[in-house]
Amino acid sequence: MVITHHGGQCFKVTLGDLTLVFDPIAKNATLPAVRFGADIALVSRDHPDMNGIEEVTYGEKVPFAVIGPGEYERQGAVIQGFLSKSKYGLEKGKEEAVNTVYSVELEDMTLVHLGALSDTELSAEARESIDNIDVLFVPIGGDGVLSAAKAHELAVSLQPKIIVPMHWSGIGAPKSLEAFLKEAGNESEKVDKLTLKKKDLVGKDGSILVITP
């Protein structure tokens, strides 16, 4: 499994011939739009920074789009979406928006992407269903999503093997990554991509990996 970061909350996960993407960036977004083909596209928040399904419809690939809570299975990926809240990029007069937290089981590993989460706690349903998280993608940028401090607190409580901060590149408050790493005691590793097998997770316990876009 290879995980790459494309800015904001957008991560591409490739496994053999399968390409899965979390929160693809659309045109007219705060960030530059992505352009690659995906088999599965998961959208946590209906906002151009995260809902670019058309941008990952490319060549022969037309993605299976997951845009909300529920249970899904596609090409060996078992997906669960849990209802939560976001305050990111709200339209005038709105106080909150729907956000979906995704748990994806793939190649005997569990990836959890919290989306543009503003809730400091997950729902009881999500807590009960999500267990043994291998990789946790957590928004840290404030400005409608979790602050660096709240993000670190929630991430640690979920006891993942690897924590990947997001919503700091191109969006989010300035220096939110530095603030998050300070909360975590500055112990982290930076990589341009994360190549992962189940055996690589042995001994990992809340390790922070910054995947640079």
C-alpha atoms as a PDB file:
ATOM      1  CA  MET A   1       0.000   0.000   0.000  1.00  0.00           C
ATOM      2  CA  VAL A   2       1.313   3.428  -0.975  1.00  0.00           C
ATOM      3  CA  ILE A   3      -0.228   6.625   0.444  1.00  0.00           C
ATOM      4  CA  THR A   4       0.490  10.048  -1.055  1.00  0.00           C
ATOM      5  CA  HIS A   5      -0.749  13.494   0.017  1.00  0.00           C
ATOM      6  CA  HIS A   6      -2.170  15.937  -2.520  1.00  0.00           C
ATOM      7  CA  GLY A   7      -2.793  18.922  -0.226  1.00  0.00           C
ATOM      8  CA  GLY A   8      -5.579  19.741   2.198  1.00  0.00           C
ATOM      9  CA  GLN A   9      -7.333  16.507   3.129  1.00  0.00           C
ATOM     10  CA  CYS A  10      -6.680  14.692  -0.133  1.00  0.00           C
ATOM     11  CA  PHE A  11      -4.824  11.390   0.111  1.00  0.00           C
ATOM     12  CA  LYS A  12      -4.396   8.810  -2.635  1.00  0.00           C
ATOM     13  CA  VAL A  13      -4.061   5.181  -1.575  1.00  0.00           C
ATOM     14  CA  THR A  14      -2.805   2.700  -4.165  1.00  0.00           C
ATOM     15  CA  LEU A  15      -2.736  -1.050  -3.750  1.00  0.00           C
ATOM     16  CA  GLY A  16      -1.919  -3.060  -6.845  1.00  0.00           C
ATOM     17  CA  ASP A  17      -4.401  -1.974  -9.526  1.00  0.00           C
ATOM     18  CA  LEU A  18      -6.705  -0.308  -6.986  1.00  0.00           C
ATOM     19  CA  THR A  19      -6.650   3.452  -6.423  1.00  0.00           C
ATOM     20  CA  LEU A  20      -8.711   4.932  -3.601  1.00  0.00           C
ATOM     21  CA  VAL A  21      -8.854   8.635  -2.808  1.00  0.00           C
ATOM     22  CA  PHE A  22     -10.046  10.526   0.254  1.00  0.00           C
ATOM     23  CA  ASP A  23     -11.439  14.057  -0.278  1.00  0.00           C
ATOM     24  CA  PRO A  24     -10.347  14.753  -3.879  1.00  0.00           C
ATOM     25  CA  ILE A  25      -9.969  18.465  -4.590  1.00  0.00           C
ATOM     26  CA  ALA A  26     -12.416  19.938  -7.124  1.00  0.00           C
ATOM     27  CA  LYS A  27     -12.114  22.855  -9.508  1.00  0.00           C
ATOM     28  CA  ASN A  28     -12.839  26.285  -7.992  1.00  0.00           C
ATOM     29  CA  ALA A  29     -11.419  25.093  -4.668  1.00  0.00           C
ATOM     30  CA  THR A  30      -9.031  26.859  -2.307  1.00  0.00           C
ATOM     31  CA  LEU A  31      -6.380  24.370  -3.474  1.00  0.00           C
ATOM     32  CA  PRO A  32      -5.237  23.289  -6.939  1.00  0.00           C
ATOM     33  CA  ALA A  33      -7.543  20.575  -8.297  1.00  0.00           C
ATOM     34  CA  VAL A  34      -6.239  17.023  -8.513  1.00  0.00           C
ATOM     35  CA  ARG A  35      -6.134  15.087 -11.792  1.00  0.00           C
ATOM     36  CA  PHE A  36      -5.795  11.343 -11.697  1.00  0.00           C
ATOM     37  CA  GLY A  37      -8.022   8.299 -12.022  1.00  0.00           C
ATOM     38  CA  ALA A  38      -9.500   6.571  -8.975  1.00  0.00           C
ATOM     39  CA  ASP A  39     -11.564   3.423  -8.488  1.00  0.00           C
ATOM     40  CA  ILE A  40     -13.089   4.588  -5.203  1.00  0.00           C
ATOM     41  CA  ALA A  41     -13.582   8.213  -4.095  1.00  0.00           C
ATOM     42  CA  LEU A  42     -14.673   9.117  -0.563  1.00  0.00           C
ATOM     43  CA  VAL A  43     -16.017  12.601   0.182  1.00  0.00           C
ATOM     44  CA  SER A  44     -16.254  13.684   3.811  1.00  0.00           C
ATOM     45  CA  ARG A  45     -17.676  17.189   3.323  1.00  0.00           C
ATOM     46  CA  ASP A  46     -19.621  18.577   0.362  1.00  0.00           C
ATOM     47  CA  HIS A  47     -17.220  21.435  -0.387  1.00  0.00           C
ATOM     48  CA  PRO A  48     -14.956  22.022  -3.438  1.00  0.00           C
ATOM     49  CA  ASP A  49     -11.872  21.441  -1.270  1.00  0.00           C
ATOM     50  CA  MET A  50     -13.090  17.866  -0.735  1.00  0.00           C
ATOM     51  CA  ASN A  51     -15.724  16.830  -3.315  1.00  0.00           C
ATOM     52  CA  GLY A  52     -13.841  16.622  -6.629  1.00  0.00           C
ATOM     53  CA  ILE A  53     -15.234  13.331  -7.901  1.00  0.00           C
ATOM     54  CA  GLU A  54     -15.117  14.614 -11.506  1.00  0.00           C
ATOM     55  CA  GLU A  55     -11.393  15.326 -11.145  1.00  0.00           C
ATOM     56  CA  VAL A  56     -10.668  11.674 -10.324  1.00  0.00           C
ATOM     57  CA  THR A  57     -12.840  10.415 -13.198  1.00  0.00           C
ATOM     58  CA  TYR A  58      -9.994  10.072 -15.638  1.00  0.00           C
ATOM     59  CA  GLY A  59      -9.108   7.803 -18.520  1.00  0.00           C
ATOM     60  CA  GLU A  60     -10.837   4.473 -18.052  1.00  0.00           C
ATOM     61  CA  LYS A  61     -11.393   5.017 -14.334  1.00  0.00           C
ATOM     62  CA  VAL A  62     -14.839   6.089 -13.143  1.00  0.00           C
ATOM     63  CA  PRO A  63     -14.822   6.031  -9.330  1.00  0.00           C
ATOM     64  CA  PHE A  64     -17.344   4.386  -7.075  1.00  0.00           C
ATOM     65  CA  ALA A  65     -18.364   7.503  -5.136  1.00  0.00           C
ATOM     66  CA  VAL A  66     -19.023   7.372  -1.408  1.00  0.00           C
ATOM     67  CA  ILE A  67     -20.489  10.644  -0.183  1.00  0.00           C
ATOM     68  CA  GLY A  68     -21.997   9.944   3.209  1.00  0.00           C
ATOM     69  CA  PRO A  69     -22.628   7.586   6.114  1.00  0.00           C
ATOM     70  CA  GLY A  70     -23.349   3.912   5.504  1.00  0.00           C
ATOM     71  CA  GLU A  71     -21.649   0.609   4.743  1.00  0.00           C
ATOM     72  CA  TYR A  72     -20.032  -0.100   1.400  1.00  0.00           C
ATOM     73  CA  GLU A  73     -17.870  -2.795  -0.154  1.00  0.00           C
ATOM     74  CA  ARG A  74     -15.947  -2.460  -3.383  1.00  0.00           C
ATOM     75  CA  GLN A  75     -12.935  -4.240  -4.889  1.00  0.00           C
ATOM     76  CA  GLY A  76     -11.825  -5.725  -1.583  1.00  0.00           C
ATOM     77  CA  ALA A  77     -12.267  -2.465   0.363  1.00  0.00           C
ATOM     78  CA  VAL A  78     -14.770  -2.566   3.235  1.00  0.00           C
ATOM     79  CA  ILE A  79     -15.931   0.972   4.013  1.00  0.00           C
ATOM     80  CA  GLN A  80     -17.975   2.395   6.872  1.00  0.00           C
ATOM     81  CA  GLY A  81     -19.069   6.025   7.018  1.00  0.00           C
ATOM     82  CA  PHE A  82     -20.150   7.660  10.275  1.00  0.00           C
ATOM     83  CA  LEU A  83     -22.135  10.864  10.668  1.00  0.00           C
ATOM     84  CA  SER A  84     -20.350  13.775  12.337  1.00  0.00           C
ATOM     85  CA  LYS A  85     -20.207  17.571  12.086  1.00  0.00           C
ATOM     86  CA  SER A  86     -18.014  20.148  10.417  1.00  0.00           C
ATOM     87  CA  LYS A  87     -17.879  23.922  10.590  1.00  0.00           C
ATOM     88  CA  TYR A  88     -15.507  24.257   7.669  1.00  0.00           C
ATOM     89  CA  GLY A  89     -16.402  26.537   4.756  1.00  0.00           C
ATOM     90  CA  LEU A  90     -19.979  27.138   5.872  1.00  0.00           C
ATOM     91  CA  GLU A  91     -22.473  29.017   3.742  1.00  0.00           C
ATOM     92  CA  LYS A  92     -23.777  32.235   5.241  1.00  0.00           C
ATOM     93  CA  GLY A  93     -26.373  31.620   7.944  1.00  0.00           C
ATOM     94  CA  LYS A  94     -25.358  27.999   8.541  1.00  0.00           C
ATOM     95  CA  GLU A  95     -23.879  26.921  11.843  1.00  0.00           C
ATOM     96  CA  GLU A  96     -22.695  23.436  10.902  1.00  0.00           C
ATOM     97  CA  ALA A  97     -22.529  20.954   8.027  1.00  0.00           C
ATOM     98  CA  VAL A  98     -22.544  17.191   7.625  1.00  0.00           C
ATOM     99  CA  ASN A  99     -19.145  15.539   7.820  1.00  0.00           C
ATOM    100  CA  THR A 100     -18.484  11.829   7.313  1.00  0.00           C
ATOM    101  CA  VAL A 101     -15.778   9.949   9.185  1.00  0.00           C
ATOM    102  CA  TYR A 102     -14.602   6.984   7.113  1.00  0.00           C
ATOM    103  CA  SER A 103     -13.129   3.668   8.216  1.00  0.00           C
ATOM    104  CA  VAL A 104     -11.630   1.619   5.383  1.00  0.00           C
ATOM    105  CA  GLU A 105     -10.386  -1.939   5.740  1.00  0.00           C
ATOM    106  CA  LEU A 106      -7.919  -2.773   3.017  1.00  0.00           C
ATOM    107  CA  GLU A 107      -5.226  -5.476   2.861  1.00  0.00           C
ATOM    108  CA  ASP A 108      -5.795  -6.393   6.518  1.00  0.00           C
ATOM    109  CA  MET A 109      -5.219  -2.792   7.603  1.00  0.00           C
ATOM    110  CA  THR A 110      -7.679  -0.192   8.893  1.00  0.00           C
ATOM    111  CA  LEU A 111      -7.440   3.407   7.683  1.00  0.00           C
ATOM    112  CA  VAL A 112      -9.601   6.038   9.391  1.00  0.00           C
ATOM    113  CA  HIS A 113     -10.059   9.466   7.774  1.00  0.00           C
ATOM    114  CA  LEU A 114     -11.809  11.986  10.042  1.00  0.00           C
ATOM    115  CA  GLY A 115     -12.645  14.412   7.236  1.00  0.00           C
ATOM    116  CA  ALA A 116     -13.298  18.072   8.076  1.00  0.00           C
ATOM    117  CA  LEU A 117     -14.284  17.133  11.616  1.00  0.00           C
ATOM    118  CA  SER A 118     -15.173  19.814  14.165  1.00  0.00           C
ATOM    119  CA  ASP A 119     -16.601  17.456  16.829  1.00  0.00           C
ATOM    120  CA  THR A 120     -14.088  16.842  19.604  1.00  0.00           C
ATOM    121  CA  GLU A 121     -15.596  13.384  20.214  1.00  0.00           C
ATOM    122  CA  LEU A 122     -16.740  10.710  17.790  1.00  0.00           C
ATOM    123  CA  SER A 123     -20.267   9.309  17.986  1.00  0.00           C
ATOM    124  CA  ALA A 124     -20.903   6.230  20.120  1.00  0.00           C
ATOM    125  CA  GLU A 125     -21.588   4.275  16.913  1.00  0.00           C
ATOM    126  CA  ALA A 126     -18.230   5.254  15.433  1.00  0.00           C
ATOM    127  CA  ARG A 127     -16.390   4.504  18.675  1.00  0.00           C
ATOM    128  CA  GLU A 128     -17.972   1.060  18.892  1.00  0.00           C
ATOM    129  CA  SER A 129     -17.331   0.177  15.266  1.00  0.00           C
ATOM    130  CA  ILE A 130     -13.815   1.559  14.817  1.00  0.00           C
ATOM    131  CA  ASP A 131     -11.184  -0.531  16.501  1.00  0.00           C
ATOM    132  CA  ASN A 132      -7.485  -1.232  16.030  1.00  0.00           C
ATOM    133  CA  ILE A 133      -6.784   1.765  13.781  1.00  0.00           C
ATOM    134  CA  ASP A 134      -3.598   1.364  11.777  1.00  0.00           C
ATOM    135  CA  VAL A 135      -3.510   4.795  10.111  1.00  0.00           C
ATOM    136  CA  LEU A 136      -5.505   7.802  11.355  1.00  0.00           C
ATOM    137  CA  PHE A 137      -5.825  10.935   9.206  1.00  0.00           C
ATOM    138  CA  VAL A 138      -6.719  13.836  11.511  1.00  0.00           C
ATOM    139  CA  PRO A 139      -7.517  17.481  10.585  1.00  0.00           C
ATOM    140  CA  ILE A 140      -5.424  19.921  12.622  1.00  0.00           C
ATOM    141  CA  GLY A 141      -5.958  23.308  10.995  1.00  0.00           C
ATOM    142  CA  GLY A 142      -8.681  24.952  13.107  1.00  0.00           C
ATOM    143  CA  ASP A 143     -10.885  27.345  11.107  1.00  0.00           C
ATOM    144  CA  GLY A 144     -13.933  25.057  11.185  1.00  0.00           C
ATOM    145  CA  VAL A 145     -12.083  21.801  11.895  1.00  0.00           C
ATOM    146  CA  LEU A 146     -10.267  20.584  15.003  1.00  0.00           C
ATOM    147  CA  SER A 147      -7.559  22.800  16.449  1.00  0.00           C
ATOM    148  CA  ALA A 148      -4.045  21.382  16.796  1.00  0.00           C
ATOM    149  CA  ALA A 149      -4.567  20.739  20.521  1.00  0.00           C
ATOM    150  CA  LYS A 150      -8.013  19.108  20.153  1.00  0.00           C
ATOM    151  CA  ALA A 151      -6.809  17.081  17.164  1.00  0.00           C
ATOM    152  CA  HIS A 152      -3.897  15.675  19.147  1.00  0.00           C
ATOM    153  CA  GLU A 153      -6.139  14.880  22.114  1.00  0.00           C
ATOM    154  CA  LEU A 154      -8.662  13.004  19.950  1.00  0.00           C
ATOM    155  CA  ALA A 155      -5.981  11.221  17.925  1.00  0.00           C
ATOM    156  CA  VAL A 156      -4.242   9.892  21.031  1.00  0.00           C
ATOM    157  CA  SER A 157      -7.562   8.738  22.525  1.00  0.00           C
ATOM    158  CA  LEU A 158      -8.239   6.608  19.427  1.00  0.00           C
ATOM    159  CA  GLN A 159      -4.912   4.777  19.918  1.00  0.00           C
ATOM    160  CA  PRO A 160      -3.877   4.431  16.257  1.00  0.00           C
ATOM    161  CA  LYS A 161      -0.553   2.943  15.275  1.00  0.00           C
ATOM    162  CA  ILE A 162       0.219   5.862  12.927  1.00  0.00           C
ATOM    163  CA  ILE A 163      -1.167   9.428  13.035  1.00  0.00           C
ATOM    164  CA  VAL A 164      -1.113  11.452   9.799  1.00  0.00           C
ATOM    165  CA  PRO A 165      -1.969  15.157  10.259  1.00  0.00           C
ATOM    166  CA  MET A 166      -3.941  16.846   7.469  1.00  0.00           C
ATOM    167  CA  HIS A 167      -5.694  20.160   6.734  1.00  0.00           C
ATOM    168  CA  TRP A 168      -2.457  22.085   7.193  1.00  0.00           C
ATOM    169  CA  SER A 169      -1.219  22.252   3.595  1.00  0.00           C
ATOM    170  CA  GLY A 170      -2.949  24.932   1.529  1.00  0.00           C
ATOM    171  CA  ILE A 171      -5.853  25.228   3.987  1.00  0.00           C
ATOM    172  CA  GLY A 172      -6.072  25.659   7.738  1.00  0.00           C
ATOM    173  CA  ALA A 173      -4.487  28.156  10.089  1.00  0.00           C
ATOM    174  CA  PRO A 174      -0.869  29.199   9.475  1.00  0.00           C
ATOM    175  CA  LYS A 175       1.671  27.104  11.383  1.00  0.00           C
ATOM    176  CA  SER A 176      -0.972  24.576  12.449  1.00  0.00           C
ATOM    177  CA  LEU A 177       1.429  21.726  11.659  1.00  0.00           C
ATOM    178  CA  GLU A 178       4.080  23.240  13.941  1.00  0.00           C
ATOM    179  CA  ALA A 179       1.464  23.674  16.679  1.00  0.00           C
ATOM    180  CA  PHE A 180       0.341  20.063  16.319  1.00  0.00           C
ATOM    181  CA  LEU A 181       3.892  18.711  16.445  1.00  0.00           C
ATOM    182  CA  LYS A 182       4.563  20.819  19.534  1.00  0.00           C
ATOM    183  CA  GLU A 183       1.491  19.254  21.210  1.00  0.00           C
ATOM    184  CA  ALA A 184       2.932  15.867  20.307  1.00  0.00           C
ATOM    185  CA  GLY A 185       6.356  16.670  21.707  1.00  0.00           C
ATOM    186  CA  ASN A 186       7.884  17.264  18.255  1.00  0.00           C
ATOM    187  CA  GLU A 187       8.530  13.573  17.713  1.00  0.00           C
ATOM    188  CA  SER A 188       7.592  12.973  14.100  1.00  0.00           C
ATOM    189  CA  GLU A 189       8.925  11.836  10.768  1.00  0.00           C
ATOM    190  CA  LYS A 190       8.430  13.503   7.388  1.00  0.00           C
ATOM    191  CA  VAL A 191       8.056  11.428   4.234  1.00  0.00           C
ATOM    192  CA  ASP A 192       7.026  12.229   0.670  1.00  0.00           C
ATOM    193  CA  LYS A 193       4.986   9.034   0.530  1.00  0.00           C
ATOM    194  CA  LEU A 194       4.079   6.284   2.960  1.00  0.00           C
ATOM    195  CA  THR A 195       4.726   2.730   1.786  1.00  0.00           C
ATOM    196  CA  LEU A 196       3.065   0.376   4.227  1.00  0.00           C
ATOM    197  CA  LYS A 197       2.676  -3.334   4.879  1.00  0.00           C
ATOM    198  CA  LYS A 198       1.015  -4.904   7.904  1.00  0.00           C
ATOM    199  CA  LYS A 199       4.368  -6.054   9.279  1.00  0.00           C
ATOM    200  CA  ASP A 200       5.637  -2.423   9.253  1.00  0.00           C
ATOM    201  CA  LEU A 201       3.084  -1.570  11.942  1.00  0.00           C
ATOM    202  CA  VAL A 202       4.639  -3.814  14.584  1.00  0.00           C
ATOM    203  CA  GLY A 203       5.822  -1.657  17.475  1.00  0.00           C
ATOM    204  CA  LYS A 204       4.111   1.492  16.201  1.00  0.00           C
ATOM    205  CA  ASP A 205       2.087   3.268  18.865  1.00  0.00           C
ATOM    206  CA  GLY A 206       0.777   6.691  17.908  1.00  0.00           C
ATOM    207  CA  SER A 207       3.783   7.439  15.682  1.00  0.00           C
ATOM    208  CA  ILE A 208       3.304  10.731  13.836  1.00  0.00           C
ATOM    209  CA  LEU A 209       4.084  10.703  10.126  1.00  0.00           C
ATOM    210  CA  VAL A 210       3.846  13.912   8.140  1.00  0.00           C
ATOM    211  CA  ILE A 211       3.268  13.088   4.468  1.00  0.00           C
ATOM    212  CA  THR A 212       4.358  16.126   2.489  1.00  0.00           C
ATOM    213  CA  PRO A 213       2.340  17.033  -0.622  1.00  0.00           C
END
